[in-house]
Amino acid sequence: MTAETKDTLLGILKDYGFATVLACALLFVGRQDIILPMVEAHREFLRDVAETQKEISQAIAEQTRLLYALQPKGTQMRTVDVTVPDDGKN
């Protein structure tokens, strides 16, 4: 360590205090060892979720297409009255 570097570090230590310098060092180490790997794992998780959502979307589109293909042609849809009339007719 050169004398100039030592003077700079001691100047920072005197200006900001030992606790502040220690906190900055711990935050830097935490950033390298904890936060950056956690962010990378989160990015990978989000990529997996996006891929899964695309697969689900494709499956839903295929199921919808098949349901429309299986739908009977030329028949009208029936409606059902869910209220129970007094005369017993439905």
PDB file of N, CA and C in Angstrom:
ATOM      1  N   MET A   1       0.855  -1.162   0.000  1.00  0.00           N
ATOM      2  CA  MET A   1       0.000   0.000   0.000  1.00  0.00           C
ATOM      3  C   MET A   1       0.905   1.230   0.000  1.00  0.00           C
ATOM      4  N   THR A   2       0.631   2.103  -0.909  1.00  0.00           N
ATOM      5  CA  THR A   2       1.456   3.306  -1.002  1.00  0.00           C
ATOM      6  C   THR A   2       1.034   4.308   0.063  1.00  0.00           C
ATOM      7  N   ALA A   3       1.872   5.269   0.292  1.00  0.00           N
ATOM      8  CA  ALA A   3       1.595   6.290   1.296  1.00  0.00           C
ATOM      9  C   ALA A   3       0.388   7.136   0.898  1.00  0.00           C
ATOM     10  N   GLU A   4       0.256   7.385  -0.410  1.00  0.00           N
ATOM     11  CA  GLU A   4      -0.875   8.194  -0.881  1.00  0.00           C
ATOM     12  C   GLU A   4      -2.200   7.467  -0.655  1.00  0.00           C
ATOM     13  N   THR A   5      -2.238   6.150  -0.924  1.00  0.00           N
ATOM     14  CA  THR A   5      -3.443   5.351  -0.706  1.00  0.00           C
ATOM     15  C   THR A   5      -3.773   5.307   0.777  1.00  0.00           C
ATOM     16  N   LYS A   6      -2.739   5.140   1.594  1.00  0.00           N
ATOM     17  CA  LYS A   6      -2.941   5.088   3.039  1.00  0.00           C
ATOM     18  C   LYS A   6      -3.503   6.412   3.541  1.00  0.00           C
ATOM     19  N   ASP A   7      -2.979   7.514   3.060  1.00  0.00           N
ATOM     20  CA  ASP A   7      -3.479   8.834   3.461  1.00  0.00           C
ATOM     21  C   ASP A   7      -4.937   9.027   3.019  1.00  0.00           C
ATOM     22  N   THR A   8      -5.268   8.542   1.818  1.00  0.00           N
ATOM     23  CA  THR A   8      -6.643   8.654   1.322  1.00  0.00           C
ATOM     24  C   THR A   8      -7.596   7.846   2.189  1.00  0.00           C
ATOM     25  N   LEU A   9      -7.224   6.613   2.520  1.00  0.00           N
ATOM     26  CA  LEU A   9      -8.083   5.773   3.355  1.00  0.00           C
ATOM     27  C   LEU A   9      -8.246   6.350   4.754  1.00  0.00           C
ATOM     28  N   LEU A  10      -7.171   6.847   5.323  1.00  0.00           N
ATOM     29  CA  LEU A  10      -7.274   7.465   6.645  1.00  0.00           C
ATOM     30  C   LEU A  10      -8.102   8.736   6.599  1.00  0.00           C
ATOM     31  N   GLY A  11      -7.991   9.502   5.513  1.00  0.00           N
ATOM     32  CA  GLY A  11      -8.814  10.701   5.355  1.00  0.00           C
ATOM     33  C   GLY A  11     -10.294  10.364   5.285  1.00  0.00           C
ATOM     34  N   ILE A  12     -10.631   9.317   4.540  1.00  0.00           N
ATOM     35  CA  ILE A  12     -12.028   8.874   4.446  1.00  0.00           C
ATOM     36  C   ILE A  12     -12.509   8.400   5.807  1.00  0.00           C
ATOM     37  N   LEU A  13     -11.662   7.654   6.502  1.00  0.00           N
ATOM     38  CA  LEU A  13     -12.012   7.139   7.825  1.00  0.00           C
ATOM     39  C   LEU A  13     -12.251   8.287   8.802  1.00  0.00           C
ATOM     40  N   LYS A  14     -11.423   9.318   8.737  1.00  0.00           N
ATOM     41  CA  LYS A  14     -11.581  10.463   9.638  1.00  0.00           C
ATOM     42  C   LYS A  14     -12.830  11.274   9.279  1.00  0.00           C
ATOM     43  N   ASP A  15     -13.092  11.444   7.984  1.00  0.00           N
ATOM     44  CA  ASP A  15     -14.230  12.264   7.558  1.00  0.00           C
ATOM     45  C   ASP A  15     -15.571  11.589   7.829  1.00  0.00           C
ATOM     46  N   TYR A  16     -15.645  10.307   7.555  1.00  0.00           N
ATOM     47  CA  TYR A  16     -16.937   9.621   7.630  1.00  0.00           C
ATOM     48  C   TYR A  16     -17.091   8.735   8.855  1.00  0.00           C
ATOM     49  N   GLY A  17     -16.051   8.390   9.532  1.00  0.00           N
ATOM     50  CA  GLY A  17     -16.145   7.564  10.723  1.00  0.00           C
ATOM     51  C   GLY A  17     -16.001   6.099  10.400  1.00  0.00           C
ATOM     52  N   PHE A  18     -15.559   5.361  11.400  1.00  0.00           N
ATOM     53  CA  PHE A  18     -15.302   3.933  11.217  1.00  0.00           C
ATOM     54  C   PHE A  18     -16.580   3.161  10.908  1.00  0.00           C
ATOM     55  N   ALA A  19     -17.683   3.498  11.603  1.00  0.00           N
ATOM     56  CA  ALA A  19     -18.940   2.761  11.411  1.00  0.00           C
ATOM     57  C   ALA A  19     -19.464   2.909   9.984  1.00  0.00           C
ATOM     58  N   THR A  20     -19.360   4.103   9.424  1.00  0.00           N
ATOM     59  CA  THR A  20     -19.843   4.330   8.069  1.00  0.00           C
ATOM     60  C   THR A  20     -18.991   3.581   7.049  1.00  0.00           C
ATOM     61  N   VAL A  21     -17.681   3.621   7.232  1.00  0.00           N
ATOM     62  CA  VAL A  21     -16.791   2.907   6.312  1.00  0.00           C
ATOM     63  C   VAL A  21     -17.026   1.405   6.414  1.00  0.00           C
ATOM     64  N   LEU A  22     -17.193   0.897   7.646  1.00  0.00           N
ATOM     65  CA  LEU A  22     -17.471  -0.530   7.836  1.00  0.00           C
ATOM     66  C   LEU A  22     -18.806  -0.920   7.203  1.00  0.00           C
ATOM     67  N   ALA A  23     -19.824  -0.076   7.373  1.00  0.00           N
ATOM     68  CA  ALA A  23     -21.130  -0.359   6.772  1.00  0.00           C
ATOM     69  C   ALA A  23     -21.037  -0.398   5.253  1.00  0.00           C
ATOM     70  N   CYS A  24     -20.297   0.521   4.664  1.00  0.00           N
ATOM     71  CA  CYS A  24     -20.121   0.529   3.205  1.00  0.00           C
ATOM     72  C   CYS A  24     -19.399  -0.724   2.731  1.00  0.00           C
ATOM     73  N   ALA A  25     -18.382  -1.137   3.479  1.00  0.00           N
ATOM     74  CA  ALA A  25     -17.659  -2.351   3.115  1.00  0.00           C
ATOM     75  C   ALA A  25     -18.561  -3.573   3.206  1.00  0.00           C
ATOM     76  N   LEU A  26     -19.371  -3.646   4.260  1.00  0.00           N
ATOM     77  CA  LEU A  26     -20.296  -4.778   4.407  1.00  0.00           C
ATOM     78  C   LEU A  26     -21.354  -4.779   3.309  1.00  0.00           C
ATOM     79  N   LEU A  27     -21.829  -3.604   2.958  1.00  0.00           N
ATOM     80  CA  LEU A  27     -22.815  -3.531   1.869  1.00  0.00           C
ATOM     81  C   LEU A  27     -22.202  -3.961   0.542  1.00  0.00           C
ATOM     82  N   PHE A  28     -20.959  -3.582   0.308  1.00  0.00           N
ATOM     83  CA  PHE A  28     -20.301  -3.983  -0.931  1.00  0.00           C
ATOM     84  C   PHE A  28     -20.122  -5.497  -0.979  1.00  0.00           C
ATOM     85  N   VAL A  29     -19.684  -6.084   0.140  1.00  0.00           N
ATOM     86  CA  VAL A  29     -19.511  -7.539   0.202  1.00  0.00           C
ATOM     87  C   VAL A  29     -20.866  -8.229   0.064  1.00  0.00           C
ATOM     88  N   GLY A  30     -21.877  -7.691   0.734  1.00  0.00           N
ATOM     89  CA  GLY A  30     -23.223  -8.265   0.619  1.00  0.00           C
ATOM     90  C   GLY A  30     -23.750  -8.188  -0.792  1.00  0.00           C
ATOM     91  N   ARG A  31     -23.426  -7.110  -1.465  1.00  0.00           N
ATOM     92  CA  ARG A  31     -23.850  -6.963  -2.861  1.00  0.00           C
ATOM     93  C   ARG A  31     -23.228  -8.049  -3.724  1.00  0.00           C
ATOM     94  N   GLN A  32     -21.956  -8.298  -3.521  1.00  0.00           N
ATOM     95  CA  GLN A  32     -21.243  -9.285  -4.332  1.00  0.00           C
ATOM     96  C   GLN A  32     -21.670 -10.713  -4.014  1.00  0.00           C
ATOM     97  N   ASP A  33     -21.864 -11.010  -2.737  1.00  0.00           N
ATOM     98  CA  ASP A  33     -22.089 -12.390  -2.322  1.00  0.00           C
ATOM     99  C   ASP A  33     -23.553 -12.766  -2.176  1.00  0.00           C
ATOM    100  N   ILE A  34     -24.413 -11.790  -1.950  1.00  0.00           N
ATOM    101  CA  ILE A  34     -25.812 -12.119  -1.664  1.00  0.00           C
ATOM    102  C   ILE A  34     -26.753 -11.548  -2.723  1.00  0.00           C
ATOM    103  N   ILE A  35     -26.687 -10.253  -2.932  1.00  0.00           N
ATOM    104  CA  ILE A  35     -27.693  -9.593  -3.761  1.00  0.00           C
ATOM    105  C   ILE A  35     -27.561  -9.962  -5.236  1.00  0.00           C
ATOM    106  N   LEU A  36     -26.365  -9.932  -5.785  1.00  0.00           N
ATOM    107  CA  LEU A  36     -26.206 -10.243  -7.209  1.00  0.00           C
ATOM    108  C   LEU A  36     -26.609 -11.680  -7.547  1.00  0.00           C
ATOM    109  N   PRO A  37     -26.201 -12.697  -6.763  1.00  0.00           N
ATOM    110  CA  PRO A  37     -26.697 -14.041  -7.060  1.00  0.00           C
ATOM    111  C   PRO A  37     -28.218 -14.171  -6.909  1.00  0.00           C
ATOM    112  N   MET A  38     -28.782 -13.441  -5.947  1.00  0.00           N
ATOM    113  CA  MET A  38     -30.232 -13.496  -5.750  1.00  0.00           C
ATOM    114  C   MET A  38     -30.958 -12.869  -6.936  1.00  0.00           C
ATOM    115  N   VAL A  39     -30.436 -11.779  -7.451  1.00  0.00           N
ATOM    116  CA  VAL A  39     -31.045 -11.127  -8.614  1.00  0.00           C
ATOM    117  C   VAL A  39     -30.955 -12.038  -9.837  1.00  0.00           C
ATOM    118  N   GLU A  40     -29.825 -12.693 -10.019  1.00  0.00           N
ATOM    119  CA  GLU A  40     -29.675 -13.605 -11.156  1.00  0.00           C
ATOM    120  C   GLU A  40     -30.638 -14.791 -11.050  1.00  0.00           C
ATOM    121  N   ALA A  41     -30.793 -15.333  -9.842  1.00  0.00           N
ATOM    122  CA  ALA A  41     -31.742 -16.429  -9.646  1.00  0.00           C
ATOM    123  C   ALA A  41     -33.171 -15.957  -9.914  1.00  0.00           C
ATOM    124  N   HIS A  42     -33.482 -14.722  -9.535  1.00  0.00           N
ATOM    125  CA  HIS A  42     -34.818 -14.185  -9.778  1.00  0.00           C
ATOM    126  C   HIS A  42     -35.060 -13.996 -11.272  1.00  0.00           C
ATOM    127  N   ARG A  43     -34.045 -13.528 -11.993  1.00  0.00           N
ATOM    128  CA  ARG A  43     -34.185 -13.393 -13.451  1.00  0.00           C
ATOM    129  C   ARG A  43     -34.454 -14.745 -14.102  1.00  0.00           C
ATOM    130  N   GLU A  44     -33.733 -15.768 -13.669  1.00  0.00           N
ATOM    131  CA  GLU A  44     -33.938 -17.107 -14.224  1.00  0.00           C
ATOM    132  C   GLU A  44     -35.348 -17.604 -13.905  1.00  0.00           C
ATOM    133  N   PHE A  45     -35.810 -17.348 -12.681  1.00  0.00           N
ATOM    134  CA  PHE A  45     -37.165 -17.736 -12.296  1.00  0.00           C
ATOM    135  C   PHE A  45     -38.199 -17.041 -13.181  1.00  0.00           C
ATOM    136  N   LEU A  46     -38.016 -15.742 -13.426  1.00  0.00           N
ATOM    137  CA  LEU A  46     -38.965 -15.015 -14.269  1.00  0.00           C
ATOM    138  C   LEU A  46     -38.947 -15.523 -15.706  1.00  0.00           C
ATOM    139  N   ARG A  47     -37.767 -15.909 -16.205  1.00  0.00           N
ATOM    140  CA  ARG A  47     -37.704 -16.504 -17.556  1.00  0.00           C
ATOM    141  C   ARG A  47     -38.493 -17.809 -17.598  1.00  0.00           C
ATOM    142  N   ASP A  48     -38.353 -18.628 -16.556  1.00  0.00           N
ATOM    143  CA  ASP A  48     -39.091 -19.892 -16.497  1.00  0.00           C
ATOM    144  C   ASP A  48     -40.596 -19.651 -16.428  1.00  0.00           C
ATOM    145  N   VAL A  49     -41.007 -18.663 -15.638  1.00  0.00           N
ATOM    146  CA  VAL A  49     -42.432 -18.347 -15.527  1.00  0.00           C
ATOM    147  C   VAL A  49     -42.973 -17.859 -16.871  1.00  0.00           C
ATOM    148  N   ALA A  50     -42.228 -17.017 -17.547  1.00  0.00           N
ATOM    149  CA  ALA A  50     -42.673 -16.510 -18.853  1.00  0.00           C
ATOM    150  C   ALA A  50     -42.796 -17.653 -19.857  1.00  0.00           C
ATOM    151  N   GLU A  51     -41.844 -18.576 -19.835  1.00  0.00           N
ATOM    152  CA  GLU A  51     -41.904 -19.726 -20.748  1.00  0.00           C
ATOM    153  C   GLU A  51     -43.105 -20.603 -20.436  1.00  0.00           C
ATOM    154  N   THR A  52     -43.357 -20.820 -19.156  1.00  0.00           N
ATOM    155  CA  THR A  52     -44.511 -21.629 -18.753  1.00  0.00           C
ATOM    156  C   THR A  52     -45.809 -20.957 -19.168  1.00  0.00           C
ATOM    157  N   GLN A  53     -45.898 -19.644 -19.006  1.00  0.00           N
ATOM    158  CA  GLN A  53     -47.108 -18.926 -19.416  1.00  0.00           C
ATOM    159  C   GLN A  53     -47.328 -19.013 -20.924  1.00  0.00           C
ATOM    160  N   LYS A  54     -46.261 -18.979 -21.701  1.00  0.00           N
ATOM    161  CA  LYS A  54     -46.400 -19.137 -23.152  1.00  0.00           C
ATOM    162  C   LYS A  54     -46.913 -20.525 -23.493  1.00  0.00           C
ATOM    163  N   GLU A  55     -46.384 -21.546 -22.809  1.00  0.00           N
ATOM    164  CA  GLU A  55     -46.844 -22.915 -23.053  1.00  0.00           C
ATOM    165  C   GLU A  55     -48.314 -23.067 -22.684  1.00  0.00           C
ATOM    166  N   ILE A  56     -48.718 -22.486 -21.561  1.00  0.00           N
ATOM    167  CA  ILE A  56     -50.119 -22.560 -21.139  1.00  0.00           C
ATOM    168  C   ILE A  56     -51.010 -21.837 -22.146  1.00  0.00           C
ATOM    169  N   SER A  57     -50.557 -20.691 -22.625  1.00  0.00           N
ATOM    170  CA  SER A  57     -51.323 -19.935 -23.616  1.00  0.00           C
ATOM    171  C   SER A  57     -51.505 -20.737 -24.903  1.00  0.00           C
ATOM    172  N   GLN A  58     -50.456 -21.410 -25.336  1.00  0.00           N
ATOM    173  CA  GLN A  58     -50.556 -22.234 -26.537  1.00  0.00           C
ATOM    174  C   GLN A  58     -51.509 -23.408 -26.314  1.00  0.00           C
ATOM    175  N   ALA A  59     -51.466 -24.018 -25.135  1.00  0.00           N
ATOM    176  CA  ALA A  59     -52.360 -25.140 -24.830  1.00  0.00           C
ATOM    177  C   ALA A  59     -53.813 -24.673 -24.807  1.00  0.00           C
ATOM    178  N   ILE A  60     -54.064 -23.508 -24.229  1.00  0.00           N
ATOM    179  CA  ILE A  60     -55.427 -22.980 -24.193  1.00  0.00           C
ATOM    180  C   ILE A  60     -55.922 -22.674 -25.601  1.00  0.00           C
ATOM    181  N   ALA A  61     -55.070 -22.109 -26.425  1.00  0.00           N
ATOM    182  CA  ALA A  61     -55.472 -21.810 -27.804  1.00  0.00           C
ATOM    183  C   ALA A  61     -55.791 -23.097 -28.555  1.00  0.00           C
ATOM    184  N   GLU A  62     -54.987 -24.125 -28.365  1.00  0.00           N
ATOM    185  CA  GLU A  62     -55.246 -25.416 -29.028  1.00  0.00           C
ATOM    186  C   GLU A  62     -56.540 -26.040 -28.529  1.00  0.00           C
ATOM    187  N   GLN A  63     -56.779 -25.980 -27.225  1.00  0.00           N
ATOM    188  CA  GLN A  63     -58.016 -26.535 -26.676  1.00  0.00           C
ATOM    189  C   GLN A  63     -59.233 -25.778 -27.197  1.00  0.00           C
ATOM    190  N   THR A  64     -59.110 -24.472 -27.293  1.00  0.00           N
ATOM    191  CA  THR A  64     -60.213 -23.668 -27.828  1.00  0.00           C
ATOM    192  C   THR A  64     -60.481 -24.032 -29.281  1.00  0.00           C
ATOM    193  N   ARG A  65     -59.430 -24.187 -30.050  1.00  0.00           N
ATOM    194  CA  ARG A  65     -59.594 -24.567 -31.455  1.00  0.00           C
ATOM    195  C   ARG A  65     -60.282 -25.926 -31.565  1.00  0.00           C
ATOM    196  N   LEU A  66     -59.868 -26.883 -30.722  1.00  0.00           N
ATOM    197  CA  LEU A  66     -60.486 -28.214 -30.754  1.00  0.00           C
ATOM    198  C   LEU A  66     -61.944 -28.172 -30.317  1.00  0.00           C
ATOM    199  N   LEU A  67     -62.250 -27.378 -29.324  1.00  0.00           N
ATOM    200  CA  LEU A  67     -63.641 -27.274 -28.886  1.00  0.00           C
ATOM    201  C   LEU A  67     -64.525 -26.674 -29.969  1.00  0.00           C
ATOM    202  N   TYR A  68     -64.027 -25.668 -30.672  1.00  0.00           N
ATOM    203  CA  TYR A  68     -64.798 -25.112 -31.781  1.00  0.00           C
ATOM    204  C   TYR A  68     -64.940 -26.125 -32.912  1.00  0.00           C
ATOM    205  N   ALA A  69     -63.929 -26.950 -33.125  1.00  0.00           N
ATOM    206  CA  ALA A  69     -64.006 -27.961 -34.188  1.00  0.00           C
ATOM    207  C   ALA A  69     -64.997 -29.059 -33.817  1.00  0.00           C
ATOM    208  N   LEU A  70     -65.114 -29.377 -32.543  1.00  0.00           N
ATOM    209  CA  LEU A  70     -66.035 -30.430 -32.096  1.00  0.00           C
ATOM    210  C   LEU A  70     -67.458 -29.942 -31.903  1.00  0.00           C
ATOM    211  N   GLN A  71     -67.663 -28.656 -31.963  1.00  0.00           N
ATOM    212  CA  GLN A  71     -68.985 -28.088 -31.746  1.00  0.00           C
ATOM    213  C   GLN A  71     -69.925 -28.538 -32.861  1.00  0.00           C
ATOM    214  N   PRO A  72     -71.122 -28.994 -32.483  1.00  0.00           N
ATOM    215  CA  PRO A  72     -72.078 -29.418 -33.517  1.00  0.00           C
ATOM    216  C   PRO A  72     -72.460 -28.265 -34.435  1.00  0.00           C
ATOM    217  N   LYS A  73     -72.539 -28.553 -35.703  1.00  0.00           N
ATOM    218  CA  LYS A  73     -72.871 -27.526 -36.693  1.00  0.00           C
ATOM    219  C   LYS A  73     -74.375 -27.529 -36.949  1.00  0.00           C
ATOM    220  N   GLY A  74     -74.911 -26.358 -37.202  1.00  0.00           N
ATOM    221  CA  GLY A  74     -76.301 -26.232 -37.613  1.00  0.00           C
ATOM    222  C   GLY A  74     -77.307 -26.339 -36.486  1.00  0.00           C
ATOM    223  N   THR A  75     -76.917 -26.518 -35.289  1.00  0.00           N
ATOM    224  CA  THR A  75     -77.886 -26.588 -34.196  1.00  0.00           C
ATOM    225  C   THR A  75     -77.817 -25.296 -33.411  1.00  0.00           C
ATOM    226  N   GLN A  76     -78.953 -24.944 -32.902  1.00  0.00           N
ATOM    227  CA  GLN A  76     -79.004 -23.732 -32.091  1.00  0.00           C
ATOM    228  C   GLN A  76     -78.695 -24.092 -30.637  1.00  0.00           C
ATOM    229  N   MET A  77     -78.149 -23.145 -29.963  1.00  0.00           N
ATOM    230  CA  MET A  77     -77.874 -23.377 -28.551  1.00  0.00           C
ATOM    231  C   MET A  77     -79.176 -23.309 -27.778  1.00  0.00           C
ATOM    232  N   ARG A  78     -79.310 -24.152 -26.790  1.00  0.00           N
ATOM    233  CA  ARG A  78     -80.515 -24.167 -25.972  1.00  0.00           C
ATOM    234  C   ARG A  78     -80.301 -23.278 -24.757  1.00  0.00           C
ATOM    235  N   THR A  79     -81.365 -22.636 -24.357  1.00  0.00           N
ATOM    236  CA  THR A  79     -81.324 -21.851 -23.134  1.00  0.00           C
ATOM    237  C   THR A  79     -82.208 -22.526 -22.107  1.00  0.00           C
ATOM    238  N   VAL A  80     -81.811 -22.431 -20.891  1.00  0.00           N
ATOM    239  CA  VAL A  80     -82.566 -23.063 -19.811  1.00  0.00           C
ATOM    240  C   VAL A  80     -82.947 -21.988 -18.815  1.00  0.00           C
ATOM    241  N   ASP A  81     -84.205 -22.017 -18.422  1.00  0.00           N
ATOM    242  CA  ASP A  81     -84.677 -21.081 -17.414  1.00  0.00           C
ATOM    243  C   ASP A  81     -84.434 -21.716 -16.051  1.00  0.00           C
ATOM    244  N   VAL A  82     -83.677 -21.058 -15.231  1.00  0.00           N
ATOM    245  CA  VAL A  82     -83.322 -21.650 -13.948  1.00  0.00           C
ATOM    246  C   VAL A  82     -84.318 -21.317 -12.852  1.00  0.00           C
ATOM    247  N   THR A  83     -85.285 -20.506 -13.155  1.00  0.00           N
ATOM    248  CA  THR A  83     -86.310 -20.229 -12.148  1.00  0.00           C
ATOM    249  C   THR A  83     -87.336 -21.343 -12.161  1.00  0.00           C
ATOM    250  N   VAL A  84     -87.888 -21.649 -11.034  1.00  0.00           N
ATOM    251  CA  VAL A  84     -88.905 -22.708 -10.920  1.00  0.00           C
ATOM    252  C   VAL A  84     -90.264 -22.045 -10.936  1.00  0.00           C
ATOM    253  N   PRO A  85     -91.011 -22.235 -12.040  1.00  0.00           N
ATOM    254  CA  PRO A  85     -92.330 -21.616 -12.098  1.00  0.00           C
ATOM    255  C   PRO A  85     -93.317 -22.343 -11.183  1.00  0.00           C
ATOM    256  N   ASP A  86     -94.432 -21.668 -10.908  1.00  0.00           N
ATOM    257  CA  ASP A  86     -95.450 -22.225 -10.006  1.00  0.00           C
ATOM    258  C   ASP A  86     -96.192 -23.404 -10.630  1.00  0.00           C
ATOM    259  N   ASP A  87     -96.304 -23.453 -11.954  1.00  0.00           N
ATOM    260  CA  ASP A  87     -97.089 -24.509 -12.573  1.00  0.00           C
ATOM    261  C   ASP A  87     -96.291 -25.781 -12.828  1.00  0.00           C
ATOM    262  N   GLY A  88     -95.000 -25.832 -12.474  1.00  0.00           N
ATOM    263  CA  GLY A  88     -94.215 -27.040 -12.612  1.00  0.00           C
ATOM    264  C   GLY A  88     -93.552 -27.211 -13.950  1.00  0.00           C
ATOM    265  N   LYS A  89     -93.753 -26.287 -14.908  1.00  0.00           N
ATOM    266  CA  LYS A  89     -93.101 -26.393 -16.210  1.00  0.00           C
ATOM    267  C   LYS A  89     -91.695 -25.803 -16.110  1.00  0.00           C
ATOM    268  N   ASN A  90     -90.814 -26.371 -16.862  1.00  0.00           N
ATOM    269  CA  ASN A  90     -89.437 -25.887 -16.873  1.00  0.00           C
ATOM    270  C   ASN A  90     -89.080 -25.289 -18.182  1.00  0.00           C
TER     271      ASN A  90
END
